[in-house]
Protein backbone atom coordinates (compact mmCIF):
# COMPACT_ATOMS: atom_id res chain seq x y z
CA MET A 1 -0.07 0.26 -0.18
CA ILE A 2 1.11 3.84 -0.67
CA VAL A 3 -0.13 6.32 1.22
CA GLY A 4 -0.14 9.34 -1.21
CA GLY A 5 0.06 9.82 -5.12
CA GLY A 6 2.78 12.08 -5.17
CA HIS A 7 5.66 12.07 -7.54
CA ASN A 8 7.40 9.38 -5.19
CA GLY A 9 4.63 7.47 -4.49
CA LEU A 10 4.50 6.82 -8.58
CA VAL A 11 7.92 5.95 -9.00
CA ALA A 12 7.71 3.26 -5.90
CA ALA A 13 4.38 2.18 -7.11
CA ALA A 14 6.15 1.67 -10.78
CA TYR A 15 9.28 -0.82 -9.55
CA LEU A 16 7.04 -2.38 -7.22
CA ALA A 17 4.53 -3.34 -9.59
CA ARG A 18 7.52 -3.72 -12.04
CA ALA A 19 8.96 -6.27 -9.85
CA GLY A 20 5.39 -8.60 -9.51
CA ARG A 21 4.43 -7.31 -6.07
CA SER A 22 0.89 -6.21 -5.84
CA VAL A 23 0.29 -2.25 -4.96
CA LEU A 24 -2.41 -0.13 -3.98
CA VAL A 25 -1.48 3.75 -4.54
CA LEU A 26 -4.16 5.91 -2.32
CA GLU A 27 -4.61 9.25 -3.04
CA ARG A 28 -6.84 11.81 -1.17
CA LEU A 29 -7.05 13.89 -4.24
CA ASP A 30 -8.95 13.37 -7.66
CA HIS A 31 -5.67 13.60 -9.05
CA THR A 32 -2.48 12.27 -8.96
CA GLY A 33 1.42 14.06 -8.88
CA GLY A 34 0.94 16.05 -5.77
CA ALA A 35 2.64 19.08 -5.83
CA ALA A 36 4.55 18.39 -9.14
CA VAL A 37 1.68 19.10 -11.32
CA SER A 38 0.51 21.10 -14.49
CA THR A 39 -2.33 23.57 -14.27
CA ARG A 40 -4.77 25.84 -15.95
CA PRO A 41 -4.82 28.52 -12.98
CA PHE A 42 -6.17 31.26 -15.01
CA ALA A 43 -9.93 31.23 -16.11
CA GLY A 44 -10.49 30.66 -20.22
CA VAL A 45 -6.83 30.49 -20.64
CA ASP A 46 -5.03 27.84 -22.46
CA ALA A 47 -1.90 27.64 -20.77
CA ARG A 48 -1.05 24.81 -18.30
CA LEU A 49 1.94 25.74 -15.87
CA SER A 50 3.65 23.90 -13.33
CA ARG A 51 2.12 25.01 -10.17
CA TYR A 52 4.09 24.52 -7.60
CA SER A 53 7.44 23.11 -8.96
CA TYR A 54 9.37 24.38 -11.72
CA LEU A 55 12.64 22.70 -12.91
CA VAL A 56 13.97 19.30 -13.11
CA SER A 57 17.65 18.42 -11.60
CA LEU A 58 17.61 15.87 -9.18
CA LEU A 59 15.39 13.17 -11.22
CA PRO A 60 18.32 10.39 -12.09
CA SER A 61 18.19 9.30 -15.35
CA LYS A 62 18.27 5.89 -14.13
CA ILE A 63 14.83 5.94 -12.81
CA VAL A 64 13.51 7.19 -16.23
CA ARG A 65 15.60 4.61 -17.91
CA ASP A 66 14.55 1.65 -15.82
CA LEU A 67 10.97 2.45 -15.61
CA GLY A 68 10.59 3.57 -19.13
CA LEU A 69 9.01 6.80 -19.06
CA ASP A 70 8.02 9.07 -21.72
CA PHE A 71 9.57 12.25 -20.56
CA ARG A 72 11.92 14.62 -21.38
CA ILE A 73 13.56 17.85 -20.46
CA GLY A 74 14.29 20.55 -22.05
CA PRO A 75 18.01 22.04 -21.27
CA ARG A 76 18.37 25.88 -20.60
CA THR A 77 21.49 27.34 -22.72
CA ILE A 78 21.75 30.71 -20.49
CA SER A 79 21.92 29.76 -16.45
CA SER A 80 21.00 33.09 -15.30
CA TYR A 81 20.83 36.73 -15.37
CA THR A 82 21.15 39.50 -12.88
CA PRO A 83 20.35 42.92 -13.91
CA ALA A 84 22.02 45.80 -11.38
CA GLU A 85 23.15 49.14 -11.70
CA ARG A 86 26.38 50.53 -11.71
CA ALA A 87 27.91 53.79 -12.17
CA GLY A 88 24.19 55.04 -12.96
CA ARG A 89 23.62 53.05 -15.43
CA PRO A 90 21.95 49.76 -15.89
CA THR A 91 24.11 46.43 -16.72
CA GLY A 92 24.02 43.33 -15.65
CA LEU A 93 25.32 39.64 -15.49
CA LEU A 94 24.64 37.19 -17.95
CA VAL A 95 25.89 33.51 -17.26
CA GLY A 96 25.64 31.33 -20.53
CA GLY A 97 25.73 31.41 -24.29
CA GLY A 98 29.55 29.97 -24.12
CA GLU A 99 32.57 30.74 -22.51
CA ALA A 100 33.59 33.60 -24.21
CA ARG A 101 30.66 35.13 -23.92
CA THR A 102 30.33 34.74 -20.12
CA ARG A 103 33.88 35.40 -19.30
CA GLU A 104 33.18 39.07 -21.12
CA ALA A 105 30.05 39.77 -18.54
CA PHE A 106 31.92 38.91 -16.00
CA ALA A 107 34.66 41.49 -17.33
CA ARG A 108 32.19 44.35 -18.33
CA LEU A 109 30.37 43.86 -14.90
CA THR A 110 33.49 43.78 -12.58
CA GLY A 111 36.16 44.76 -14.68
CA SER A 112 38.88 42.01 -14.97
CA ASP A 113 38.97 38.84 -15.70
CA ARG A 114 39.25 37.81 -11.92
CA GLU A 115 35.55 37.23 -10.63
CA TYR A 116 34.96 34.78 -13.84
CA GLU A 117 38.63 32.51 -13.02
CA SER A 118 37.08 32.17 -9.56
CA TRP A 119 33.78 31.35 -10.66
CA GLN A 120 35.38 29.22 -12.95
CA ARG A 121 37.58 27.27 -10.14
CA PHE A 122 34.47 27.11 -7.62
CA TYR A 123 32.17 25.48 -9.85
CA GLY A 124 34.84 22.94 -11.37
CA MET A 125 35.43 21.94 -7.88
CA THR A 126 30.80 21.83 -7.38
CA GLY A 127 31.14 19.47 -10.71
CA ARG A 128 33.51 16.72 -9.29
CA VAL A 129 31.55 16.71 -6.25
CA ALA A 130 28.15 16.52 -8.52
CA GLU A 131 29.62 13.31 -10.29
CA ARG A 132 30.86 12.12 -7.84
CA VAL A 133 27.71 12.26 -4.88
CA PHE A 134 25.13 12.30 -7.16
CA PRO A 135 25.25 8.55 -8.31
CA THR A 136 25.19 7.54 -4.39
CA LEU A 137 21.27 8.64 -4.09
CA THR A 138 20.05 5.99 -5.43
CA GLU A 139 22.48 3.44 -3.40
CA PRO A 140 22.21 2.23 0.44
CA LEU A 141 22.68 5.18 2.58
CA PRO A 142 27.11 5.86 2.66
CA THR A 143 28.70 6.47 5.74
CA ARG A 144 30.06 9.95 6.39
CA ASP A 145 33.34 8.45 5.97
CA GLU A 146 32.45 6.27 3.09
CA LEU A 147 31.14 9.84 1.16
CA ARG A 148 34.41 11.43 2.06
CA ARG A 149 36.49 9.12 0.72
CA ARG A 150 33.94 8.96 -2.35
CA VAL A 151 34.39 12.91 -2.86
CA ASP A 152 38.13 12.37 -2.53
CA ASP A 153 39.25 16.03 -2.39
CA GLU A 154 39.57 17.59 1.01
CA GLU A 155 39.11 21.12 0.01
CA ALA A 156 35.57 20.57 -1.25
CA TRP A 157 34.92 18.33 1.37
CA ARG A 158 35.24 21.34 4.41
CA THR A 159 33.75 23.79 1.79
CA LEU A 160 30.79 22.00 1.18
CA PHE A 161 30.07 19.87 4.62
CA GLU A 162 32.39 21.25 7.06
CA GLU A 163 32.22 25.38 7.11
CA PRO A 164 29.54 27.87 6.28
CA ILE A 165 28.97 28.42 2.56
CA GLY A 166 29.51 31.96 3.50
CA VAL A 167 32.75 31.66 4.23
CA ALA A 168 33.61 29.98 0.73
CA ILE A 169 32.10 32.81 -0.94
CA GLU A 170 33.86 35.47 0.82
CA ASP A 171 36.91 33.95 0.60
CA ARG A 172 36.76 33.34 -3.58
CA PHE A 173 34.83 36.14 -4.36
CA ALA A 174 35.18 40.03 -3.72
CA ASP A 175 31.89 41.31 -6.20
CA ASP A 176 28.48 41.85 -4.08
CA LEU A 177 26.39 40.90 -6.88
CA VAL A 178 28.57 37.84 -7.88
CA ARG A 179 28.34 36.33 -4.27
CA GLY A 180 24.86 36.97 -4.25
CA VAL A 181 24.73 34.82 -7.33
CA VAL A 182 26.61 32.24 -5.92
CA LEU A 183 24.71 32.23 -2.56
CA THR A 184 21.18 31.95 -4.19
CA ASP A 185 21.71 28.09 -4.59
CA ALA A 186 22.07 27.54 -0.61
CA LEU A 187 18.37 29.41 0.27
CA ILE A 188 15.66 28.30 -2.14
CA GLY A 189 13.40 27.16 0.56
CA THR A 190 15.68 27.92 3.28
CA PHE A 191 15.83 29.94 5.41
CA ALA A 192 19.21 30.53 6.88
CA ASP A 193 22.10 32.98 6.89
CA ALA A 194 25.08 32.55 4.77
CA HIS A 195 26.94 31.49 8.11
CA ASP A 196 24.08 29.91 10.23
CA PRO A 197 26.70 27.08 12.10
CA ALA A 198 24.37 24.69 11.99
CA LEU A 199 24.68 24.36 8.03
CA PRO A 200 21.22 24.31 6.61
CA GLN A 201 22.49 26.85 3.89
CA ASN A 202 25.07 24.29 3.02
CA ARG A 203 23.08 20.91 2.93
CA CYS A 204 20.35 23.57 0.21
CA PHE A 205 23.80 24.30 -1.83
CA LEU A 206 24.94 20.86 -2.27
CA TYR A 207 21.34 19.51 -3.38
CA HIS A 208 21.22 22.62 -6.05
CA VAL A 209 24.95 21.41 -7.47
CA ILE A 210 24.89 17.91 -7.65
CA GLY A 211 21.88 17.35 -9.79
CA GLY A 212 22.33 15.19 -12.63
CA GLY A 213 25.91 15.17 -11.78
CA THR A 214 26.41 18.34 -13.42
CA GLY A 215 24.22 20.71 -11.38
CA ALA A 216 22.25 21.50 -14.40
CA TRP A 217 18.32 22.28 -14.11
CA ASP A 218 16.62 21.82 -16.98
CA VAL A 219 12.60 22.83 -18.18
CA PRO A 220 10.56 19.34 -17.98
CA VAL A 221 9.02 19.17 -21.67
CA GLY A 222 4.70 19.40 -21.08
CA GLY A 223 5.35 21.21 -17.59
CA MET A 224 5.59 19.72 -14.46
CA GLY A 225 2.50 17.66 -15.14
CA ALA A 226 3.92 15.35 -17.47
CA LEU A 227 6.42 14.11 -15.13
CA THR A 228 4.01 12.62 -12.37
CA ASP A 229 1.05 11.61 -15.92
CA ALA A 230 4.10 9.51 -16.78
CA LEU A 231 4.85 7.68 -13.89
CA ALA A 232 1.21 7.27 -13.06
CA THR A 233 1.67 5.21 -16.65
CA ALA A 234 3.89 3.36 -15.45
CA ALA A 235 2.45 2.32 -12.45
CA ARG A 236 -0.58 1.15 -14.08
CA ASP A 237 1.16 0.12 -16.71
CA ALA A 238 2.97 -2.47 -14.32
CA GLY A 239 -0.22 -3.17 -12.60
CA ALA A 240 -0.66 -0.79 -9.45
CA ASP A 241 -3.49 0.16 -8.81
CA ILE A 242 -4.23 4.07 -8.33
CA ALA A 243 -7.19 5.07 -6.77
CA THR A 244 -7.69 8.95 -6.43
CA GLY A 245 -10.40 10.71 -3.96
CA HIS A 246 -9.19 7.61 -1.27
CA GLU A 247 -7.87 9.22 2.10
CA ALA A 248 -5.61 7.13 3.85
CA VAL A 249 -6.92 8.23 7.94
CA ARG A 250 -4.66 5.54 10.39
CA ILE A 251 -1.96 2.46 10.10
CA ASP A 252 -2.05 -0.32 12.47
CA THR A 253 0.66 -2.36 12.36
CA ASP A 254 2.88 -5.20 14.01
CA GLY A 255 5.86 -4.77 12.21
CA ARG A 256 5.01 -7.68 9.99
CA THR A 257 1.69 -7.09 8.56
CA ALA A 258 -0.52 -3.70 8.62
CA GLU A 259 -4.10 -2.23 8.70
CA ILE A 260 -4.75 0.88 6.54
CA THR A 261 -8.03 2.51 7.22
CA TYR A 262 -9.32 4.56 4.65
CA ARG A 263 -11.81 7.07 3.28
CA THR A 264 -13.88 6.66 0.00
CA PRO A 265 -17.02 8.92 -1.49
CA ASP A 266 -18.53 5.90 0.00
CA GLY A 267 -17.88 5.53 3.20
CA GLU A 268 -14.35 3.56 5.56
CA ARG A 269 -12.99 0.79 4.60
CA VAL A 270 -9.68 -1.09 5.87
CA ALA A 271 -7.50 -2.85 3.66
CA ALA A 272 -4.73 -5.90 4.87
CA ALA A 273 -0.72 -4.98 3.50
CA ARG A 274 2.97 -6.80 4.41
CA HIS A 275 4.31 -2.99 4.09
CA VAL A 276 3.20 0.52 3.75
CA LEU A 277 5.01 3.57 1.64
CA VAL A 278 3.75 7.05 3.24
CA ASN A 279 4.69 9.40 0.49
CA ALA A 280 3.90 12.34 2.57
CA SER A 281 5.48 14.77 5.32
CA PRO A 282 7.00 13.25 8.84
CA GLN A 283 4.07 14.78 10.82
CA ALA A 284 1.41 12.95 8.31
CA LEU A 285 2.97 9.74 9.33
CA ALA A 286 3.14 10.43 12.77
CA GLU A 287 -0.47 11.17 12.33
CA LEU A 288 -1.46 8.15 10.68
CA THR A 289 0.70 5.62 12.70
CA GLY A 290 -0.26 7.72 16.14
CA ASP A 291 3.75 8.54 17.10
CA ALA A 292 4.52 11.55 18.53
CA PRO A 293 5.14 13.94 15.56
CA PRO A 294 8.62 15.81 14.51
CA ALA A 295 8.92 19.59 14.94
CA PRO A 296 8.33 21.59 11.66
CA ALA A 297 10.70 22.80 9.93
CA GLU A 298 9.20 26.49 8.62
CA GLY A 299 8.95 27.01 4.96
CA ALA A 300 10.34 30.58 3.52
CA GLN A 301 9.05 31.03 0.09
CA LEU A 302 6.90 33.09 -2.43
CA LYS A 303 5.34 31.44 -5.34
CA VAL A 304 3.80 33.50 -8.22
CA ASN A 305 2.60 31.62 -11.24
CA MET A 306 2.04 34.46 -14.44
CA LEU A 307 0.89 35.06 -17.81
CA LEU A 308 2.30 37.33 -19.77
CA LYS A 309 1.23 39.22 -23.37
CA ARG A 310 5.11 39.71 -23.98
CA LEU A 311 8.35 39.89 -22.00
CA PRO A 312 8.40 43.17 -21.04
CA ARG A 313 11.89 45.16 -22.50
CA LEU A 314 14.67 45.68 -19.76
CA ARG A 315 16.76 48.69 -18.91
CA ASP A 316 19.76 46.83 -19.65
CA GLU A 317 19.25 46.96 -23.42
CA SER A 318 22.79 44.87 -23.77
CA VAL A 319 20.95 41.79 -22.97
CA ASP A 320 17.94 40.24 -25.27
CA PRO A 321 14.81 39.97 -22.99
CA ARG A 322 13.88 36.23 -24.30
CA GLU A 323 17.77 35.48 -23.16
CA ALA A 324 17.26 37.08 -19.66
CA PHE A 325 14.28 35.23 -18.95
CA SER A 326 15.47 31.91 -20.83
CA GLY A 327 17.43 31.46 -17.38
CA THR A 328 17.12 31.99 -13.46
CA PHE A 329 16.45 35.93 -13.90
CA HIS A 330 18.09 37.24 -10.20
CA ILE A 331 16.10 39.98 -8.66
CA ALA A 332 17.33 41.82 -5.81
CA GLU A 333 20.06 39.37 -5.00
CA GLY A 334 23.05 40.96 -4.28
CA TYR A 335 24.93 39.50 -1.51
CA ARG A 336 24.53 41.99 0.99
CA GLN A 337 21.00 42.22 0.01
CA LEU A 338 20.08 38.37 0.92
CA ALA A 339 21.64 39.34 4.49
CA THR A 340 19.17 42.16 4.71
CA ALA A 341 16.56 40.34 3.67
CA HIS A 342 17.61 37.23 6.59
CA ALA A 343 17.92 39.50 9.12
CA GLN A 344 15.07 41.75 8.45
CA ALA A 345 12.07 38.48 8.22
CA ALA A 346 14.35 37.00 11.49
CA ALA A 347 13.11 40.10 13.43
CA GLY A 348 9.73 39.57 12.04
CA GLU A 349 9.35 41.95 9.57
CA LEU A 350 8.81 42.05 5.86
CA PRO A 351 12.04 42.49 3.73
CA ALA A 352 12.15 45.46 2.67
CA ALA A 353 13.68 44.45 -0.74
CA PRO A 354 12.44 40.48 -1.17
CA PRO A 355 14.78 38.23 -2.99
CA SER A 356 13.27 36.33 -5.98
CA GLU A 357 14.10 34.83 -9.08
CA ILE A 358 12.13 33.82 -12.28
CA TYR A 359 11.91 31.37 -14.31
CA CYS A 360 10.01 31.42 -18.15
CA HIS A 361 9.08 27.82 -18.98
CA SER A 362 7.51 28.63 -22.34
CA LEU A 363 10.45 29.95 -24.05
CA THR A 364 12.00 26.54 -23.82
CA ASP A 365 9.41 24.20 -23.96
CA PRO A 366 6.50 26.40 -25.68
CA THR A 367 4.15 22.92 -25.97
CA ILE A 368 2.55 24.40 -22.34
CA LEU A 369 0.62 27.13 -24.53
CA GLY A 370 -2.11 27.17 -26.59
CA PRO A 371 -0.97 27.50 -30.17
CA ASP A 372 -2.77 30.84 -30.07
CA LEU A 373 -1.47 32.18 -27.50
CA VAL A 374 2.23 30.94 -29.13
CA GLU A 375 1.70 32.84 -32.47
CA GLN A 376 0.69 35.89 -30.12
CA GLY A 377 4.02 35.69 -28.47
CA TYR A 378 2.54 35.30 -24.53
CA GLN A 379 4.93 33.60 -22.08
CA THR A 380 5.02 32.25 -18.81
CA LEU A 381 6.87 33.23 -15.91
CA THR A 382 6.93 31.54 -12.30
CA LEU A 383 8.47 33.55 -9.51
CA PHE A 384 10.23 31.33 -6.47
CA GLY A 385 10.66 34.65 -3.58
CA LEU A 386 13.43 34.11 -0.66
CA HIS A 387 13.57 34.72 2.60
CA THR A 388 9.67 35.06 3.67
CA PRO A 389 9.06 32.38 6.72
CA ALA A 390 5.51 31.47 7.55
CA ARG A 391 5.82 33.10 10.42
CA LEU A 392 5.05 36.69 9.10
CA PHE A 393 1.96 35.33 7.33
CA ASP A 394 0.21 34.31 10.52
CA ARG A 395 -1.46 37.32 11.37
CA ASP A 396 -3.27 37.85 7.89
CA ASN A 397 -2.00 35.62 5.26
CA ASP A 398 -4.15 37.36 2.32
CA GLY A 399 -3.33 41.44 3.42
CA VAL A 400 0.85 39.85 3.84
CA ARG A 401 0.78 38.44 0.39
CA GLU A 402 -0.53 40.79 -1.41
CA GLU A 403 1.79 43.35 0.32
CA LEU A 404 4.70 41.10 -0.37
CA LEU A 405 3.83 40.62 -3.69
CA LYS A 406 3.80 44.07 -4.69
CA SER A 407 7.08 45.22 -3.26
CA THR A 408 8.12 41.46 -5.05
CA LEU A 409 6.99 42.97 -8.32
CA ALA A 410 8.53 46.46 -7.30
CA GLN A 411 11.89 45.28 -7.04
CA LEU A 412 11.57 43.70 -10.83
CA ASP A 413 10.24 46.91 -11.98
CA ALA A 414 13.02 48.67 -11.36
CA HIS A 415 15.11 46.44 -13.80
CA LEU A 416 12.26 46.72 -16.46
CA ALA A 417 11.92 49.75 -18.89
CA GLU A 418 8.34 49.17 -18.96
CA PRO A 419 6.00 48.00 -15.89
CA LEU A 420 5.46 44.13 -15.44
CA ALA A 421 1.28 45.33 -14.84
CA ASP A 422 1.48 46.56 -18.74
CA CYS A 423 2.75 43.05 -19.89
CA LEU A 424 0.50 40.78 -17.91
CA ALA A 425 -2.30 38.93 -19.98
CA THR A 426 -5.65 38.61 -18.64
CA ASP A 427 -7.94 35.90 -18.28
CA ALA A 428 -11.58 35.23 -19.55
CA ASP A 429 -12.95 37.38 -16.72
CA GLY A 430 -10.85 39.93 -17.28
CA ARG A 431 -8.15 39.89 -14.17
CA PRO A 432 -4.55 39.59 -14.56
CA CYS A 433 -3.09 36.53 -15.21
CA ILE A 434 -1.57 36.47 -11.72
CA GLU A 435 -1.20 33.97 -8.43
CA ALA A 436 0.81 33.84 -5.63
CA LYS A 437 1.23 31.45 -2.70
CA THR A 438 2.52 31.88 0.44
CA PRO A 439 3.69 28.96 3.12
CA LEU A 440 0.54 29.34 4.56
CA ASP A 441 -0.90 28.75 1.42
CA LEU A 442 1.14 25.79 0.79
CA GLU A 443 0.50 24.02 3.80
CA ARG A 444 -3.29 24.55 3.13
CA ASP A 445 -3.81 23.26 -0.17
CA LEU A 446 -0.73 20.33 -0.16
CA ARG A 447 -0.51 19.58 3.29
CA LEU A 448 2.69 20.61 3.52
CA PRO A 449 3.91 21.22 7.30
CA GLY A 450 4.50 25.09 7.87
CA GLY A 451 4.80 25.25 4.18
CA ASN A 452 7.94 23.76 3.86
CA ILE A 453 8.62 22.59 0.23
CA PHE A 454 10.70 20.04 1.83
CA HIS A 455 8.47 18.88 4.08
CA ARG A 456 11.38 19.01 6.82
CA GLU A 457 15.33 20.57 6.96
CA LEU A 458 17.36 18.64 4.27
CA SER A 459 19.62 15.61 5.22
CA TRP A 460 23.47 15.39 4.78
CA PRO A 461 23.63 12.67 2.03
CA TYR A 462 25.13 9.77 4.24
CA ALA A 463 23.95 7.90 7.23
CA GLN A 464 23.43 9.29 10.75
CA GLU A 465 21.96 7.79 13.91
CA GLY A 466 18.83 6.34 13.13
CA THR A 467 18.48 6.81 9.15
CA GLY A 468 18.28 3.49 8.27
CA ARG A 469 20.01 1.43 5.38
CA TRP A 470 17.94 3.39 2.83
CA GLY A 471 16.91 6.61 4.84
CA VAL A 472 13.40 5.88 4.28
CA GLU A 473 13.24 3.89 7.47
CA THR A 474 10.89 4.62 10.31
CA ARG A 475 10.31 2.97 13.77
CA HIS A 476 7.66 0.50 12.49
CA ALA A 477 10.05 -2.21 10.62
CA ASN A 478 7.25 -2.44 7.67
CA VAL A 479 6.31 1.32 7.18
CA LEU A 480 8.63 3.62 5.19
CA LEU A 481 8.69 6.88 4.66
CA CYS A 482 8.77 7.36 0.73
CA GLY A 483 8.18 11.40 0.82
CA ALA A 484 10.45 14.54 0.41
CA GLY A 485 10.58 14.16 4.20
CA ALA A 486 13.41 11.38 3.84
CA VAL A 487 17.02 11.22 3.92
CA ARG A 488 17.84 12.33 0.36
CA GLY A 489 14.44 13.66 -0.09
CA GLY A 490 13.19 17.63 -1.55
CA GLY A 491 12.96 18.22 -4.64
CA VAL A 492 11.43 16.58 -7.56
CA SER A 493 13.84 13.75 -7.49
CA GLY A 494 11.69 10.31 -7.08
CA VAL A 495 15.07 9.22 -5.44
CA PRO A 496 12.59 8.71 -1.68
CA GLY A 497 10.25 6.37 -4.13
CA HIS A 498 13.44 4.16 -5.36
CA ASN A 499 14.98 3.88 -2.35
CA ALA A 500 11.30 2.77 -0.56
CA ALA A 501 11.27 0.34 -3.13
CA MET A 502 14.50 -0.71 -2.77
CA ALA A 503 14.29 -1.49 0.53
CA VAL A 504 10.61 -2.99 0.34
CA LEU A 505 12.24 -5.68 -2.58
CA GLU A 506 15.41 -6.33 -0.36
CA ALA A 507 13.39 -7.28 2.71
CA THR A 508 11.07 -9.75 0.85
CA ALA A 509 13.62 -11.12 -1.04
CA GLY A 510 13.61 -14.38 -1.58
């Protein structure tokens, strides 16, 4: 039995059904996919947006091959663009489009080749770590010493695993904007300072730079829902039964067999299984088993989905908006700006200059738009805001959401040659095509504890006390956690689903 039909639950279902196991997936909603879905959020508009999760990096090609998924990703030729103002003039940093072009962009912004050469050395180091660490995500958990030997680079190990990432950034880079661009990968969905001694920022950074063994973040062709649709098809084709509108409410287990009580539109039922895999948060798992729940980890992001009639013109005329928005478009993410925003939010205030980054899915993959919209030049934008912890929204979620959205878009407008509002499309009712989701909205809509997109703080990808062989084990021998809260969870990866399935197959071998 698999509780939850998000992407990890579907991965587990497909592996187990292909291995000949009898599999039933219980999904409380009327559709599968969880947070990895594509929807038409704007009335009467033929645009399917990846509503909650946007890009793919951590999904191993092994899973795609093993399950024969009809799914592909579109690479982004531009990695990022970060607008800035220097000496009263608009400028920016474009990363991508070839080595010579990137080097020239660094030199134009900073006045020399020093920062670019430091960038090359730093990301050369993370690339080597990625090649060595990423394959371990679908293997039994290595010990800390085993992973350290696998990395085989003491400087890299110290930089990423032992000292705050802020130390490395400040030692290697001098330009504030360049420092900020590097730091952002340590803060996506993680509310932390660059020098936090507990190193949540380092764990976040590590997962953002190891994906696929390269650290590249790519666009899911057809939208994120294309992935989960392919997974659901693979699971069903292998013989798994997927029951939507079925909500698990209790798990009773003696460690060998389990009974799952669940609600359907027709009433309450009970089913038995040898193993139960829970594709939900650790808090939801505790509620199902009657165990004491872990302390929730607070989410800290703003998610904004938009549809534009056209891309806005930039104040920096040296870059084409189609290139600037085709990668990650950084806003108010200088190093000092990020530190100030964190300090303000930690003090209970909304950041005066909210940092965020934007992704334009449709530039890489126009198939998510109807043909008429493509012909007219429409584009999607999805924005991920940083340093906005759930506590800031407790007093007035709707009011604070609107205030934060206004100030976030104002930071973007400061770098545009025309207001973003002039570029927004309208829906069938004449309303602007823009929606925003706070951590509290994500908690309500997706049952993410505290709105945390990782379910809890990310863990190091090695064994620690109580993590078990695969990082999915719980105190109940036949109940496994296969959601983002598992060790090596977080992000759209399928890794916890794969690892839970492997744990079951090992336990039942022979």
